[in-house]
Amino acid sequence: MAEWLENTAQVEVETPIDQVWQFWADLEQLPNWMNWITSVKLLEGQPELSRWTLSTTGFQFSWKSRITKQIPNQIIQWESIDGLPNRGAIRFYDRAESTIVKMTISYAVPEILARVINAPFVGRFVESTIQADLDRFRDYALANRDRAPKESSSSN
């Protein structure tokens, strides 16, 4: 049996929502700011499916993910369909000249490990990792806002 754990973080990006959305909706760019994600590849002819690879300190995990909900400038929601069990959402909140980006990630761990992983220090570590990814995204978006993609290859 597995237990689902959830972590959330958010960041404010001093960039209009349409540009922030375009950066995030281009899934193959995520390794530019997500520290442990080494690769995201869209699957040919199936833009809602992608293959993800996570690598850290000698461990590597891969999984296939499906976009379950995508509303431009509002939300990208996903779930894994094989490999590492996870699901979550990126939400975007318009603040005129800035955007709040909020990420929630849920992941399944074996019940026996959940007791250890659910310890407060582990939860803080996971949330600080997600927060660091969002901070890197903010920096990336600010540095590249004049070069924001016009259209995302993953938009529906």
C-alpha atoms as a PDB file:
ATOM      1  CA  MET A   1       0.000   0.000   0.000  1.00  0.00           C
ATOM      2  CA  ALA A   2       1.094   3.552  -0.679  1.00  0.00           C
ATOM      3  CA  GLU A   3       0.398   6.813   1.048  1.00  0.00           C
ATOM      4  CA  TRP A   4       0.123  10.119  -0.825  1.00  0.00           C
ATOM      5  CA  LEU A   5       2.082  13.087   0.515  1.00  0.00           C
ATOM      6  CA  GLU A   6       1.569  16.648  -0.732  1.00  0.00           C
ATOM      7  CA  ASN A   7       3.747  19.760  -0.785  1.00  0.00           C
ATOM      8  CA  THR A   8       3.040  23.294  -1.997  1.00  0.00           C
ATOM      9  CA  ALA A   9       5.090  26.416  -2.680  1.00  0.00           C
ATOM     10  CA  GLN A  10       4.528  29.675  -4.533  1.00  0.00           C
ATOM     11  CA  VAL A  11       6.402  32.641  -5.922  1.00  0.00           C
ATOM     12  CA  GLU A  12       5.525  36.050  -7.316  1.00  0.00           C
ATOM     13  CA  VAL A  13       7.060  36.809 -10.712  1.00  0.00           C
ATOM     14  CA  GLU A  14       7.246  40.465 -11.782  1.00  0.00           C
ATOM     15  CA  THR A  15       6.103  39.559 -15.296  1.00  0.00           C
ATOM     16  CA  PRO A  16       2.627  39.588 -16.896  1.00  0.00           C
ATOM     17  CA  ILE A  17       0.706  36.320 -16.713  1.00  0.00           C
ATOM     18  CA  ASP A  18       0.698  35.621 -20.466  1.00  0.00           C
ATOM     19  CA  GLN A  19       4.508  35.556 -20.550  1.00  0.00           C
ATOM     20  CA  VAL A  20       4.780  33.520 -17.348  1.00  0.00           C
ATOM     21  CA  TRP A  21       2.267  31.040 -18.777  1.00  0.00           C
ATOM     22  CA  GLN A  22       4.182  30.658 -22.036  1.00  0.00           C
ATOM     23  CA  PHE A  23       7.416  29.837 -20.229  1.00  0.00           C
ATOM     24  CA  TRP A  24       5.790  27.218 -18.002  1.00  0.00           C
ATOM     25  CA  ALA A  25       3.570  25.681 -20.688  1.00  0.00           C
ATOM     26  CA  ASP A  26       6.697  24.801 -22.708  1.00  0.00           C
ATOM     27  CA  LEU A  27       7.320  21.650 -20.650  1.00  0.00           C
ATOM     28  CA  GLU A  28      10.614  20.781 -22.322  1.00  0.00           C
ATOM     29  CA  GLN A  29      12.095  23.966 -20.788  1.00  0.00           C
ATOM     30  CA  LEU A  30      11.401  22.901 -17.185  1.00  0.00           C
ATOM     31  CA  PRO A  31      14.921  21.483 -16.614  1.00  0.00           C
ATOM     32  CA  ASN A  32      16.151  25.100 -16.973  1.00  0.00           C
ATOM     33  CA  TRP A  33      14.820  25.827 -13.484  1.00  0.00           C
ATOM     34  CA  MET A  34      13.818  22.517 -11.879  1.00  0.00           C
ATOM     35  CA  ASN A  35      16.970  21.304 -10.187  1.00  0.00           C
ATOM     36  CA  TRP A  36      16.304  17.552 -10.144  1.00  0.00           C
ATOM     37  CA  ILE A  37      14.445  17.304 -13.453  1.00  0.00           C
ATOM     38  CA  THR A  38      17.026  16.492 -16.105  1.00  0.00           C
ATOM     39  CA  SER A  39      14.681  15.919 -19.033  1.00  0.00           C
ATOM     40  CA  VAL A  40      11.087  16.425 -20.179  1.00  0.00           C
ATOM     41  CA  LYS A  41      10.226  15.168 -23.660  1.00  0.00           C
ATOM     42  CA  LEU A  42       6.824  15.530 -25.311  1.00  0.00           C
ATOM     43  CA  LEU A  43       5.657  12.321 -26.956  1.00  0.00           C
ATOM     44  CA  GLU A  44       5.283  12.494 -30.726  1.00  0.00           C
ATOM     45  CA  GLY A  45       1.697  13.079 -31.812  1.00  0.00           C
ATOM     46  CA  GLN A  46       0.419  13.138 -28.213  1.00  0.00           C
ATOM     47  CA  PRO A  47       1.021  16.655 -26.820  1.00  0.00           C
ATOM     48  CA  GLU A  48      -0.743  15.814 -23.542  1.00  0.00           C
ATOM     49  CA  LEU A  49       1.841  13.071 -22.815  1.00  0.00           C
ATOM     50  CA  SER A  50       5.455  13.561 -21.808  1.00  0.00           C
ATOM     51  CA  ARG A  51       8.364  11.480 -20.484  1.00  0.00           C
ATOM     52  CA  TRP A  52      10.105  12.940 -17.411  1.00  0.00           C
ATOM     53  CA  THR A  53      13.497  12.062 -15.907  1.00  0.00           C
ATOM     54  CA  LEU A  54      14.551  13.005 -12.386  1.00  0.00           C
ATOM     55  CA  SER A  55      18.147  12.533 -11.241  1.00  0.00           C
ATOM     56  CA  THR A  56      19.739  13.234  -7.880  1.00  0.00           C
ATOM     57  CA  THR A  57      22.729  11.880  -5.958  1.00  0.00           C
ATOM     58  CA  GLY A  58      23.044   8.616  -7.827  1.00  0.00           C
ATOM     59  CA  PHE A  59      19.312   7.939  -8.209  1.00  0.00           C
ATOM     60  CA  GLN A  60      17.394   8.269 -11.449  1.00  0.00           C
ATOM     61  CA  PHE A  61      13.647   7.921 -11.939  1.00  0.00           C
ATOM     62  CA  SER A  62      11.581   8.174 -15.094  1.00  0.00           C
ATOM     63  CA  TRP A  63       7.853   8.356 -15.632  1.00  0.00           C
ATOM     64  CA  LYS A  64       5.243   9.162 -18.222  1.00  0.00           C
ATOM     65  CA  SER A  65       2.910  12.023 -17.373  1.00  0.00           C
ATOM     66  CA  ARG A  66      -0.425  13.159 -18.784  1.00  0.00           C
ATOM     67  CA  ILE A  67      -1.823  16.689 -18.705  1.00  0.00           C
ATOM     68  CA  THR A  68      -5.294  16.205 -17.219  1.00  0.00           C
ATOM     69  CA  LYS A  69      -6.376  19.840 -17.269  1.00  0.00           C
ATOM     70  CA  GLN A  70      -4.956  22.869 -19.005  1.00  0.00           C
ATOM     71  CA  ILE A  71      -6.588  26.284 -19.015  1.00  0.00           C
ATOM     72  CA  PRO A  72      -4.311  28.993 -20.462  1.00  0.00           C
ATOM     73  CA  ASN A  73      -3.121  31.535 -17.886  1.00  0.00           C
ATOM     74  CA  GLN A  74      -4.831  29.570 -15.084  1.00  0.00           C
ATOM     75  CA  ILE A  75      -3.752  25.961 -14.525  1.00  0.00           C
ATOM     76  CA  ILE A  76      -1.729  23.017 -15.768  1.00  0.00           C
ATOM     77  CA  GLN A  77      -2.688  19.836 -13.937  1.00  0.00           C
ATOM     78  CA  TRP A  78      -1.009  16.454 -14.432  1.00  0.00           C
ATOM     79  CA  GLU A  79      -0.752  12.881 -13.240  1.00  0.00           C
ATOM     80  CA  SER A  80       1.803  10.186 -13.886  1.00  0.00           C
ATOM     81  CA  ILE A  81       0.557   7.175 -15.808  1.00  0.00           C
ATOM     82  CA  ASP A  82       3.596   4.956 -15.255  1.00  0.00           C
ATOM     83  CA  GLY A  83       6.800   5.015 -13.273  1.00  0.00           C
ATOM     84  CA  LEU A  84       7.135   7.340 -10.273  1.00  0.00           C
ATOM     85  CA  PRO A  85       3.577   7.924  -8.935  1.00  0.00           C
ATOM     86  CA  ASN A  86       2.884  11.656  -8.770  1.00  0.00           C
ATOM     87  CA  ARG A  87       0.291  14.289  -9.602  1.00  0.00           C
ATOM     88  CA  GLY A  88      -0.106  17.974  -9.121  1.00  0.00           C
ATOM     89  CA  ALA A  89      -0.901  21.376 -10.519  1.00  0.00           C
ATOM     90  CA  ILE A  90       0.684  24.684 -11.403  1.00  0.00           C
ATOM     91  CA  ARG A  91      -1.718  27.575 -10.855  1.00  0.00           C
ATOM     92  CA  PHE A  92      -1.284  31.092 -12.160  1.00  0.00           C
ATOM     93  CA  TYR A  93      -2.818  34.171 -10.522  1.00  0.00           C
ATOM     94  CA  ASP A  94      -2.852  37.478 -12.422  1.00  0.00           C
ATOM     95  CA  ARG A  95      -1.677  40.495 -10.441  1.00  0.00           C
ATOM     96  CA  ALA A  96      -1.649  42.967 -13.390  1.00  0.00           C
ATOM     97  CA  GLU A  97       2.106  43.482 -13.814  1.00  0.00           C
ATOM     98  CA  SER A  98       3.080  40.366 -11.882  1.00  0.00           C
ATOM     99  CA  THR A  99       1.946  36.756 -11.561  1.00  0.00           C
ATOM    100  CA  ILE A 100       1.672  34.414  -8.595  1.00  0.00           C
ATOM    101  CA  VAL A 101       2.785  30.872  -9.531  1.00  0.00           C
ATOM    102  CA  LYS A 102       1.681  28.183  -7.076  1.00  0.00           C
ATOM    103  CA  MET A 103       2.870  24.580  -7.411  1.00  0.00           C
ATOM    104  CA  THR A 104       1.317  21.642  -5.593  1.00  0.00           C
ATOM    105  CA  ILE A 105       2.936  18.229  -5.957  1.00  0.00           C
ATOM    106  CA  SER A 106       1.592  14.965  -4.558  1.00  0.00           C
ATOM    107  CA  TYR A 107       3.584  11.746  -4.647  1.00  0.00           C
ATOM    108  CA  ALA A 108       2.976   8.211  -3.482  1.00  0.00           C
ATOM    109  CA  VAL A 109       5.427   6.481  -1.203  1.00  0.00           C
ATOM    110  CA  PRO A 110       5.233   3.005   0.297  1.00  0.00           C
ATOM    111  CA  GLU A 111       3.335   3.113   3.581  1.00  0.00           C
ATOM    112  CA  ILE A 112       6.347   1.934   5.567  1.00  0.00           C
ATOM    113  CA  LEU A 113       8.433   4.841   4.209  1.00  0.00           C
ATOM    114  CA  ALA A 114       5.621   7.373   4.609  1.00  0.00           C
ATOM    115  CA  ARG A 115       6.170   7.461   8.377  1.00  0.00           C
ATOM    116  CA  VAL A 116       9.777   8.512   7.842  1.00  0.00           C
ATOM    117  CA  ILE A 117       9.186  10.761   4.816  1.00  0.00           C
ATOM    118  CA  ASN A 118       6.206  12.476   6.438  1.00  0.00           C
ATOM    119  CA  ALA A 119       8.412  13.686   9.281  1.00  0.00           C
ATOM    120  CA  PRO A 120       8.347  17.491   9.544  1.00  0.00           C
ATOM    121  CA  PHE A 121      12.000  17.934   8.506  1.00  0.00           C
ATOM    122  CA  VAL A 122      11.466  15.875   5.321  1.00  0.00           C
ATOM    123  CA  GLY A 123       8.353  17.890   4.447  1.00  0.00           C
ATOM    124  CA  ARG A 124      10.323  21.111   4.953  1.00  0.00           C
ATOM    125  CA  PHE A 125      13.113  19.747   2.736  1.00  0.00           C
ATOM    126  CA  VAL A 126      10.682  18.872  -0.094  1.00  0.00           C
ATOM    127  CA  GLU A 127       8.919  22.230   0.163  1.00  0.00           C
ATOM    128  CA  SER A 128      12.228  24.111   0.238  1.00  0.00           C
ATOM    129  CA  THR A 129      13.277  22.199  -2.907  1.00  0.00           C
ATOM    130  CA  ILE A 130      10.026  23.146  -4.662  1.00  0.00           C
ATOM    131  CA  GLN A 131      10.434  26.744  -3.467  1.00  0.00           C
ATOM    132  CA  ALA A 132      13.999  26.859  -4.812  1.00  0.00           C
ATOM    133  CA  ASP A 133      12.719  25.596  -8.196  1.00  0.00           C
ATOM    134  CA  LEU A 134      10.068  28.324  -8.242  1.00  0.00           C
ATOM    135  CA  ASP A 135      12.649  30.960  -7.272  1.00  0.00           C
ATOM    136  CA  ARG A 136      14.860  29.777 -10.165  1.00  0.00           C
ATOM    137  CA  PHE A 137      11.801  29.971 -12.440  1.00  0.00           C
ATOM    138  CA  ARG A 138      11.191  33.570 -11.332  1.00  0.00           C
ATOM    139  CA  ASP A 139      14.816  34.444 -12.109  1.00  0.00           C
ATOM    140  CA  TYR A 140      14.610  32.630 -15.470  1.00  0.00           C
ATOM    141  CA  ALA A 141      11.369  34.408 -16.425  1.00  0.00           C
ATOM    142  CA  LEU A 142      12.756  37.816 -15.465  1.00  0.00           C
ATOM    143  CA  ALA A 143      16.006  37.230 -17.367  1.00  0.00           C
ATOM    144  CA  ASN A 144      14.160  35.988 -20.475  1.00  0.00           C
ATOM    145  CA  ARG A 145      10.931  38.008 -20.493  1.00  0.00           C
ATOM    146  CA  ASP A 146      11.942  39.846 -23.670  1.00  0.00           C
ATOM    147  CA  ARG A 147      12.320  36.432 -25.340  1.00  0.00           C
ATOM    148  CA  ALA A 148       9.109  34.801 -24.115  1.00  0.00           C
ATOM    149  CA  PRO A 149       7.904  32.141 -26.562  1.00  0.00           C
ATOM    150  CA  LYS A 150       4.957  33.212 -28.687  1.00  0.00           C
ATOM    151  CA  GLU A 151       3.211  29.822 -28.505  1.00  0.00           C
ATOM    152  CA  SER A 152       3.806  26.703 -26.500  1.00  0.00           C
ATOM    153  CA  SER A 153       4.146  23.365 -28.272  1.00  0.00           C
ATOM    154  CA  SER A 154       2.166  21.802 -25.414  1.00  0.00           C
ATOM    155  CA  SER A 155      -0.843  24.114 -25.443  1.00  0.00           C
ATOM    156  CA  ASN A 156      -4.207  22.667 -26.403  1.00  0.00           C
END
